[in-house]
Amino acid sequence: MRREQTPAERIRAVCSPGGTTIEGMKVLEAHDFYGMIAEMCDRCIDRAYALGK
């Protein structure tokens, strides 16, 4: 059975240390990208419930 990779494992798999992609990831992390995505999902779900969907 194949196990799914965690986000951190995927990042390590595609980002070379000192490379361009890891530099981009550092910017996303510094601006709390994951927090923004989580808040966005929460608000969408809340609104969907409010609309009765």
PDB file of N, CA and C in Angstrom:
ATOM      1  N   MET A   1       0.838  -1.174   0.000  1.00  0.00           N
ATOM      2  CA  MET A   1       0.000   0.000   0.000  1.00  0.00           C
ATOM      3  C   MET A   1       0.890   1.247   0.000  1.00  0.00           C
ATOM      4  N   ARG A   2       0.605   2.171  -0.900  1.00  0.00           N
ATOM      5  CA  ARG A   2       1.415   3.381  -1.038  1.00  0.00           C
ATOM      6  C   ARG A   2       0.906   4.467  -0.105  1.00  0.00           C
ATOM      7  N   ARG A   3       1.813   5.095   0.608  1.00  0.00           N
ATOM      8  CA  ARG A   3       1.471   6.165   1.538  1.00  0.00           C
ATOM      9  C   ARG A   3       1.584   7.500   0.820  1.00  0.00           C
ATOM     10  N   GLU A   4       0.616   8.386   1.034  1.00  0.00           N
ATOM     11  CA  GLU A   4       0.673   9.728   0.467  1.00  0.00           C
ATOM     12  C   GLU A   4       1.749  10.537   1.175  1.00  0.00           C
ATOM     13  N   GLN A   5       2.402  11.416   0.428  1.00  0.00           N
ATOM     14  CA  GLN A   5       3.420  12.278   1.016  1.00  0.00           C
ATOM     15  C   GLN A   5       2.769  13.450   1.745  1.00  0.00           C
ATOM     16  N   THR A   6       3.404  13.881   2.806  1.00  0.00           N
ATOM     17  CA  THR A   6       2.955  15.089   3.489  1.00  0.00           C
ATOM     18  C   THR A   6       3.407  16.292   2.660  1.00  0.00           C
ATOM     19  N   PRO A   7       2.820  17.470   2.883  1.00  0.00           N
ATOM     20  CA  PRO A   7       3.288  18.654   2.170  1.00  0.00           C
ATOM     21  C   PRO A   7       4.785  18.906   2.367  1.00  0.00           C
ATOM     22  N   ALA A   8       5.274  18.712   3.573  1.00  0.00           N
ATOM     23  CA  ALA A   8       6.705  18.925   3.842  1.00  0.00           C
ATOM     24  C   ALA A   8       7.567  17.950   3.040  1.00  0.00           C
ATOM     25  N   GLU A   9       7.123  16.702   2.924  1.00  0.00           N
ATOM     26  CA  GLU A   9       7.869  15.714   2.143  1.00  0.00           C
ATOM     27  C   GLU A   9       7.875  16.083   0.661  1.00  0.00           C
ATOM     28  N   ARG A  10       6.767  16.577   0.165  1.00  0.00           N
ATOM     29  CA  ARG A  10       6.701  16.987  -1.240  1.00  0.00           C
ATOM     30  C   ARG A  10       7.610  18.180  -1.512  1.00  0.00           C
ATOM     31  N   ILE A  11       7.610  19.125  -0.577  1.00  0.00           N
ATOM     32  CA  ILE A  11       8.476  20.298  -0.730  1.00  0.00           C
ATOM     33  C   ILE A  11       9.931  19.856  -0.791  1.00  0.00           C
ATOM     34  N   ARG A  12      10.335  18.980   0.127  1.00  0.00           N
ATOM     35  CA  ARG A  12      11.720  18.491   0.125  1.00  0.00           C
ATOM     36  C   ARG A  12      12.048  17.751  -1.168  1.00  0.00           C
ATOM     37  N   ALA A  13      11.053  17.076  -1.732  1.00  0.00           N
ATOM     38  CA  ALA A  13      11.278  16.298  -2.944  1.00  0.00           C
ATOM     39  C   ALA A  13      11.493  17.181  -4.175  1.00  0.00           C
ATOM     40  N   VAL A  14      10.893  18.363  -4.197  1.00  0.00           N
ATOM     41  CA  VAL A  14      10.985  19.194  -5.399  1.00  0.00           C
ATOM     42  C   VAL A  14      11.862  20.424  -5.252  1.00  0.00           C
ATOM     43  N   CYS A  15      12.217  20.785  -4.037  1.00  0.00           N
ATOM     44  CA  CYS A  15      13.004  22.005  -3.814  1.00  0.00           C
ATOM     45  C   CYS A  15      14.462  21.657  -3.527  1.00  0.00           C
ATOM     46  N   SER A  16      15.335  22.107  -4.390  1.00  0.00           N
ATOM     47  CA  SER A  16      16.769  21.924  -4.155  1.00  0.00           C
ATOM     48  C   SER A  16      17.232  22.933  -3.109  1.00  0.00           C
ATOM     49  N   PRO A  17      18.042  22.504  -2.147  1.00  0.00           N
ATOM     50  CA  PRO A  17      18.584  23.463  -1.175  1.00  0.00           C
ATOM     51  C   PRO A  17      19.328  24.574  -1.920  1.00  0.00           C
ATOM     52  N   GLY A  18      18.979  25.807  -1.638  1.00  0.00           N
ATOM     53  CA  GLY A  18      19.628  26.938  -2.284  1.00  0.00           C
ATOM     54  C   GLY A  18      19.119  27.234  -3.682  1.00  0.00           C
ATOM     55  N   GLY A  19      18.084  26.490  -4.121  1.00  0.00           N
ATOM     56  CA  GLY A  19      17.552  26.683  -5.471  1.00  0.00           C
ATOM     57  C   GLY A  19      16.461  27.742  -5.533  1.00  0.00           C
ATOM     58  N   THR A  20      15.919  27.912  -6.713  1.00  0.00           N
ATOM     59  CA  THR A  20      14.916  28.954  -6.929  1.00  0.00           C
ATOM     60  C   THR A  20      13.579  28.636  -6.267  1.00  0.00           C
ATOM     61  N   THR A  21      13.138  27.385  -6.354  1.00  0.00           N
ATOM     62  CA  THR A  21      11.834  27.028  -5.799  1.00  0.00           C
ATOM     63  C   THR A  21      11.802  27.179  -4.289  1.00  0.00           C
ATOM     64  N   ILE A  22      12.870  26.793  -3.609  1.00  0.00           N
ATOM     65  CA  ILE A  22      12.893  26.924  -2.150  1.00  0.00           C
ATOM     66  C   ILE A  22      12.869  28.395  -1.741  1.00  0.00           C
ATOM     67  N   GLU A  23      13.455  29.259  -2.546  1.00  0.00           N
ATOM     68  CA  GLU A  23      13.398  30.694  -2.245  1.00  0.00           C
ATOM     69  C   GLU A  23      11.964  31.208  -2.338  1.00  0.00           C
ATOM     70  N   GLY A  24      11.228  30.727  -3.337  1.00  0.00           N
ATOM     71  CA  GLY A  24       9.819  31.083  -3.452  1.00  0.00           C
ATOM     72  C   GLY A  24       9.007  30.561  -2.282  1.00  0.00           C
ATOM     73  N   MET A  25       9.297  29.351  -1.858  1.00  0.00           N
ATOM     74  CA  MET A  25       8.594  28.772  -0.708  1.00  0.00           C
ATOM     75  C   MET A  25       8.844  29.579   0.559  1.00  0.00           C
ATOM     76  N   LYS A  26      10.050  30.085   0.707  1.00  0.00           N
ATOM     77  CA  LYS A  26      10.370  30.906   1.885  1.00  0.00           C
ATOM     78  C   LYS A  26       9.495  32.154   1.934  1.00  0.00           C
ATOM     79  N   VAL A  27       9.229  32.756   0.776  1.00  0.00           N
ATOM     80  CA  VAL A  27       8.360  33.939   0.728  1.00  0.00           C
ATOM     81  C   VAL A  27       6.944  33.558   1.137  1.00  0.00           C
ATOM     82  N   LEU A  28       6.434  32.456   0.588  1.00  0.00           N
ATOM     83  CA  LEU A  28       5.088  32.018   0.952  1.00  0.00           C
ATOM     84  C   LEU A  28       4.973  31.752   2.453  1.00  0.00           C
ATOM     85  N   GLU A  29       5.964  31.102   3.028  1.00  0.00           N
ATOM     86  CA  GLU A  29       5.954  30.812   4.451  1.00  0.00           C
ATOM     87  C   GLU A  29       6.045  32.090   5.282  1.00  0.00           C
ATOM     88  N   ALA A  30       6.855  33.052   4.851  1.00  0.00           N
ATOM     89  CA  ALA A  30       7.016  34.310   5.587  1.00  0.00           C
ATOM     90  C   ALA A  30       5.719  35.106   5.626  1.00  0.00           C
ATOM     91  N   HIS A  31       4.881  34.929   4.609  1.00  0.00           N
ATOM     92  CA  HIS A  31       3.614  35.657   4.546  1.00  0.00           C
ATOM     93  C   HIS A  31       2.428  34.787   4.972  1.00  0.00           C
ATOM     94  N   ASP A  32       2.721  33.702   5.654  1.00  0.00           N
ATOM     95  CA  ASP A  32       1.710  32.784   6.197  1.00  0.00           C
ATOM     96  C   ASP A  32       0.734  32.286   5.138  1.00  0.00           C
ATOM     97  N   PHE A  33       1.277  31.842   4.029  1.00  0.00           N
ATOM     98  CA  PHE A  33       0.462  31.319   2.937  1.00  0.00           C
ATOM     99  C   PHE A  33      -0.485  30.220   3.422  1.00  0.00           C
ATOM    100  N   TYR A  34       0.013  29.287   4.223  1.00  0.00           N
ATOM    101  CA  TYR A  34      -0.815  28.182   4.690  1.00  0.00           C
ATOM    102  C   TYR A  34      -1.957  28.691   5.562  1.00  0.00           C
ATOM    103  N   GLY A  35      -1.672  29.695   6.381  1.00  0.00           N
ATOM    104  CA  GLY A  35      -2.718  30.292   7.210  1.00  0.00           C
ATOM    105  C   GLY A  35      -3.781  30.969   6.368  1.00  0.00           C
ATOM    106  N   MET A  36      -3.357  31.652   5.311  1.00  0.00           N
ATOM    107  CA  MET A  36      -4.317  32.311   4.419  1.00  0.00           C
ATOM    108  C   MET A  36      -5.212  31.285   3.728  1.00  0.00           C
ATOM    109  N   ILE A  37      -4.623  30.200   3.275  1.00  0.00           N
ATOM    110  CA  ILE A  37      -5.410  29.159   2.598  1.00  0.00           C
ATOM    111  C   ILE A  37      -6.394  28.530   3.582  1.00  0.00           C
ATOM    112  N   ALA A  38      -5.951  28.267   4.808  1.00  0.00           N
ATOM    113  CA  ALA A  38      -6.833  27.678   5.814  1.00  0.00           C
ATOM    114  C   ALA A  38      -7.997  28.619   6.125  1.00  0.00           C
ATOM    115  N   GLU A  39      -7.710  29.914   6.282  1.00  0.00           N
ATOM    116  CA  GLU A  39      -8.773  30.883   6.554  1.00  0.00           C
ATOM    117  C   GLU A  39      -9.737  30.978   5.371  1.00  0.00           C
ATOM    118  N   MET A  40      -9.197  30.963   4.159  1.00  0.00           N
ATOM    119  CA  MET A  40     -10.040  31.013   2.970  1.00  0.00           C
ATOM    120  C   MET A  40     -11.007  29.830   2.950  1.00  0.00           C
ATOM    121  N   CYS A  41     -10.503  28.641   3.220  1.00  0.00           N
ATOM    122  CA  CYS A  41     -11.353  27.448   3.227  1.00  0.00           C
ATOM    123  C   CYS A  41     -12.426  27.548   4.302  1.00  0.00           C
ATOM    124  N   ASP A  42     -12.043  28.008   5.491  1.00  0.00           N
ATOM    125  CA  ASP A  42     -13.009  28.158   6.584  1.00  0.00           C
ATOM    126  C   ASP A  42     -14.122  29.124   6.202  1.00  0.00           C
ATOM    127  N   ARG A  43     -13.765  30.241   5.603  1.00  0.00           N
ATOM    128  CA  ARG A  43     -14.777  31.226   5.213  1.00  0.00           C
ATOM    129  C   ARG A  43     -15.693  30.696   4.113  1.00  0.00           C
ATOM    130  N   CYS A  44     -15.131  29.984   3.170  1.00  0.00           N
ATOM    131  CA  CYS A  44     -15.951  29.393   2.111  1.00  0.00           C
ATOM    132  C   CYS A  44     -16.950  28.396   2.690  1.00  0.00           C
ATOM    133  N   ILE A  45     -16.494  27.573   3.608  1.00  0.00           N
ATOM    134  CA  ILE A  45     -17.374  26.580   4.232  1.00  0.00           C
ATOM    135  C   ILE A  45     -18.467  27.279   5.034  1.00  0.00           C
ATOM    136  N   ASP A  46     -18.071  28.287   5.825  1.00  0.00           N
ATOM    137  CA  ASP A  46     -19.058  29.032   6.618  1.00  0.00           C
ATOM    138  C   ASP A  46     -20.112  29.667   5.717  1.00  0.00           C
ATOM    139  N   ARG A  47     -19.673  30.254   4.607  1.00  0.00           N
ATOM    140  CA  ARG A  47     -20.610  30.909   3.693  1.00  0.00           C
ATOM    141  C   ARG A  47     -21.523  29.886   3.019  1.00  0.00           C
ATOM    142  N   ALA A  48     -20.987  28.751   2.668  1.00  0.00           N
ATOM    143  CA  ALA A  48     -21.793  27.708   2.051  1.00  0.00           C
ATOM    144  C   ALA A  48     -22.899  27.248   3.015  1.00  0.00           C
ATOM    145  N   TYR A  49     -22.566  27.080   4.284  1.00  0.00           N
ATOM    146  CA  TYR A  49     -23.577  26.711   5.276  1.00  0.00           C
ATOM    147  C   TYR A  49     -24.614  27.817   5.422  1.00  0.00           C
ATOM    148  N   ALA A  50     -24.177  29.056   5.439  1.00  0.00           N
ATOM    149  CA  ALA A  50     -25.085  30.194   5.571  1.00  0.00           C
ATOM    150  C   ALA A  50     -26.043  30.255   4.378  1.00  0.00           C
ATOM    151  N   LEU A  51     -25.570  29.873   3.213  1.00  0.00           N
ATOM    152  CA  LEU A  51     -26.413  29.874   2.019  1.00  0.00           C
ATOM    153  C   LEU A  51     -27.265  28.601   1.906  1.00  0.00           C
ATOM    154  N   GLY A  52     -27.042  27.675   2.843  1.00  0.00           N
ATOM    155  CA  GLY A  52     -27.831  26.437   2.858  1.00  0.00           C
ATOM    156  C   GLY A  52     -27.383  25.414   1.849  1.00  0.00           C
ATOM    157  N   LYS A  53     -26.110  25.424   1.507  1.00  0.00           N
ATOM    158  CA  LYS A  53     -25.596  24.472   0.517  1.00  0.00           C
ATOM    159  C   LYS A  53     -24.866  23.333   1.184  1.00  0.00           C
TER     160      LYS A  53
END
